[in-house]
């Protein structure tokens, strides 16, 4: 029983770190540079390309397919054209599935990782990412119910 409680405490602490309270649209002072299967946080000054992604209350991204070259640092300008909160989270299908399930259980969690942007209605957010690994990856809105409604997209990273 003690091991179970310890494991739950560790899991909740990790979740709290990744989903901190509102930061009023400000990025954290220091971006965590952790290698993920889909890349690593990018340096804004290394941006080679800017891509605007629009999110709507019809639970869609536009565009919903993005192609980049391996090694490119991309700045995403994420525009919420809707009347409700939306977000863009980059990841693998497996990680997004797991995270979406967690968001259904804890719908008020907010994101504070460099591959996530939580954007209020009528606002814009920004995400800078270095795609240093080739492959096909996904992005999605993980606000409770949005992922399940089909608010997803694909990123193809060509070698």
Protein backbone atom coordinates (compact mmCIF):
# COMPACT_ATOMS: atom_id res chain seq x y z
CA UNK A 1 0.00 0.00 0.00
CA UNK A 2 2.84 2.40 0.84
CA UNK A 3 4.45 1.72 -2.53
CA UNK A 4 1.15 2.49 -4.29
CA UNK A 5 0.82 5.77 -2.38
CA UNK A 6 4.42 6.68 -3.19
CA UNK A 7 3.90 5.90 -6.88
CA UNK A 8 0.72 8.01 -6.96
CA UNK A 9 2.52 10.88 -5.22
CA UNK A 10 5.34 10.81 -7.76
CA UNK A 11 2.88 10.66 -10.67
CA UNK A 12 0.88 13.59 -9.32
CA UNK A 13 4.02 15.64 -8.72
CA UNK A 14 5.13 15.04 -12.32
CA UNK A 15 1.66 15.94 -13.57
CA UNK A 16 1.61 19.12 -11.52
CA UNK A 17 4.94 20.17 -13.04
CA UNK A 18 3.69 19.65 -16.58
CA UNK A 19 0.34 21.30 -15.89
CA UNK A 20 1.02 24.29 -13.70
CA UNK A 21 -1.45 27.04 -12.92
CA UNK A 22 -2.16 29.80 -15.42
CA UNK A 23 0.85 31.79 -16.48
CA UNK A 24 -1.21 34.48 -18.22
CA UNK A 25 0.26 33.71 -21.63
CA UNK A 26 3.88 34.16 -20.52
CA UNK A 27 6.48 31.57 -21.34
CA UNK A 28 8.56 30.24 -18.44
CA UNK A 29 11.84 32.08 -17.94
CA UNK A 30 13.85 28.98 -18.81
CA UNK A 31 12.59 26.49 -21.39
CA UNK A 32 13.20 22.85 -20.54
CA UNK A 33 15.37 21.33 -23.34
CA UNK A 34 14.36 17.68 -23.12
CA UNK A 35 14.81 15.46 -26.18
CA UNK A 36 11.52 13.93 -27.24
CA UNK A 37 10.89 11.42 -30.05
CA UNK A 38 9.53 14.33 -32.12
CA UNK A 39 12.38 16.77 -31.38
CA UNK A 40 13.51 19.29 -28.80
CA UNK A 41 12.54 22.84 -27.77
CA UNK A 42 13.89 25.28 -30.33
CA UNK A 43 15.75 28.55 -29.95
CA UNK A 44 13.66 31.43 -31.38
CA UNK A 45 16.76 32.94 -33.05
CA UNK A 46 17.29 29.63 -34.94
CA UNK A 47 13.80 29.73 -36.51
CA UNK A 48 13.92 28.84 -40.20
CA UNK A 49 10.19 28.90 -40.80
CA UNK A 50 7.01 30.31 -39.27
CA UNK A 51 3.75 28.40 -39.63
CA UNK A 52 0.38 29.77 -38.55
CA UNK A 53 -2.10 27.23 -37.19
CA UNK A 54 -5.73 28.27 -36.60
CA UNK A 55 -7.95 26.46 -34.10
CA UNK A 56 -11.75 26.64 -34.24
CA UNK A 57 -14.74 25.62 -32.15
CA UNK A 58 -15.58 23.13 -34.92
CA UNK A 59 -12.74 21.11 -33.30
CA UNK A 60 -10.38 21.52 -36.21
CA UNK A 61 -6.89 22.81 -36.94
CA UNK A 62 -6.10 24.62 -40.15
CA UNK A 63 -3.87 23.44 -41.62
CA UNK A 64 -4.06 19.96 -40.12
CA UNK A 65 -1.01 18.68 -42.02
CA UNK A 66 2.43 20.26 -41.75
CA UNK A 67 5.58 19.12 -43.54
CA UNK A 68 9.04 20.19 -42.38
CA UNK A 69 12.62 19.10 -42.96
CA UNK A 70 14.60 17.27 -40.33
CA UNK A 71 16.74 19.80 -38.47
CA UNK A 72 14.36 22.73 -39.05
CA UNK A 73 13.43 24.97 -36.15
CA UNK A 74 9.83 26.07 -36.66
CA UNK A 75 7.91 28.82 -34.92
CA UNK A 76 4.22 27.99 -34.75
CA UNK A 77 1.88 30.94 -34.32
CA UNK A 78 -1.24 29.35 -32.89
CA UNK A 79 -4.40 31.40 -33.33
CA UNK A 80 -7.56 30.52 -31.42
CA UNK A 81 -10.39 31.72 -33.67
CA UNK A 82 -12.99 30.18 -31.38
CA UNK A 83 -14.92 31.18 -28.29
CA UNK A 84 -13.53 28.45 -26.04
CA UNK A 85 -10.09 27.45 -24.80
CA UNK A 86 -7.99 25.37 -27.21
CA UNK A 87 -4.42 24.15 -27.28
CA UNK A 88 -1.82 22.64 -29.54
CA UNK A 89 0.24 19.77 -28.14
CA UNK A 90 2.85 18.00 -30.27
CA UNK A 91 3.64 14.34 -29.60
CA UNK A 92 3.34 10.74 -30.65
CA UNK A 93 -0.11 9.21 -31.01
CA UNK A 94 0.56 7.04 -27.94
CA UNK A 95 1.57 9.98 -25.75
CA UNK A 96 -1.35 12.10 -26.96
CA UNK A 97 -3.80 9.23 -26.28
CA UNK A 98 -2.45 8.88 -22.73
CA UNK A 99 -2.43 12.62 -22.11
CA UNK A 100 -5.97 13.03 -23.49
CA UNK A 101 -7.22 10.36 -21.07
CA UNK A 102 -5.54 12.23 -18.20
CA UNK A 103 -7.13 15.51 -19.33
CA UNK A 104 -10.58 13.87 -19.24
CA UNK A 105 -9.96 13.05 -15.56
CA UNK A 106 -8.42 16.45 -14.71
CA UNK A 107 -9.98 18.94 -17.20
CA UNK A 108 -8.69 22.11 -15.51
CA UNK A 109 -5.00 21.25 -15.92
CA UNK A 110 -2.97 23.64 -18.05
CA UNK A 111 0.26 23.00 -19.89
CA UNK A 112 3.68 24.43 -19.34
CA UNK A 113 5.94 22.36 -21.60
CA UNK A 114 7.74 23.75 -24.67
CA UNK A 115 5.79 21.47 -27.05
CA UNK A 116 2.41 22.69 -25.75
CA UNK A 117 0.54 25.98 -26.16
CA UNK A 118 -2.68 26.70 -24.26
CA UNK A 119 -4.48 29.57 -26.04
CA UNK A 120 -7.53 31.48 -24.84
CA UNK A 121 -10.45 32.50 -27.07
CA UNK A 122 -9.46 35.14 -29.62
CA UNK A 123 -5.80 34.99 -28.53
CA UNK A 124 -2.56 33.85 -30.13
CA UNK A 125 0.12 31.60 -28.73
CA UNK A 126 3.58 30.63 -29.86
CA UNK A 127 5.57 27.43 -29.88
CA UNK A 128 9.17 27.05 -31.16
CA UNK A 129 10.29 23.51 -31.89
CA UNK A 130 13.35 21.90 -33.46
CA UNK A 131 12.40 18.82 -35.46
CA UNK A 132 15.72 16.99 -35.15
CA UNK A 133 14.24 13.56 -35.82
CA UNK A 134 12.56 12.36 -39.01
CA UNK A 135 9.16 10.65 -38.89
CA UNK A 136 5.46 11.26 -38.62
CA UNK A 137 4.20 12.89 -35.47
CA UNK A 138 0.89 14.28 -34.30
CA UNK A 139 -0.52 17.39 -32.73
CA UNK A 140 -3.82 17.77 -30.97
CA UNK A 141 -6.00 19.82 -28.69
CA UNK A 142 -6.18 17.94 -25.40
CA UNK A 143 -8.81 20.12 -23.74
CA UNK A 144 -11.30 17.58 -22.40
CA UNK A 145 -13.44 16.24 -25.25
CA UNK A 146 -11.67 18.12 -28.08
CA UNK A 147 -9.25 15.31 -28.96
CA UNK A 148 -12.11 12.82 -28.89
CA UNK A 149 -14.06 15.11 -31.28
CA UNK A 150 -11.24 14.88 -33.83
CA UNK A 151 -9.18 18.00 -33.09
CA UNK A 152 -5.93 16.50 -34.38
CA UNK A 153 -3.26 17.10 -37.00
CA UNK A 154 -0.12 15.51 -38.42
CA UNK A 155 3.48 16.68 -38.78
CA UNK A 156 5.66 14.95 -41.35
CA UNK A 157 9.37 15.48 -40.74
CA UNK A 158 11.25 14.61 -43.92
CA UNK A 159 14.93 13.57 -43.75
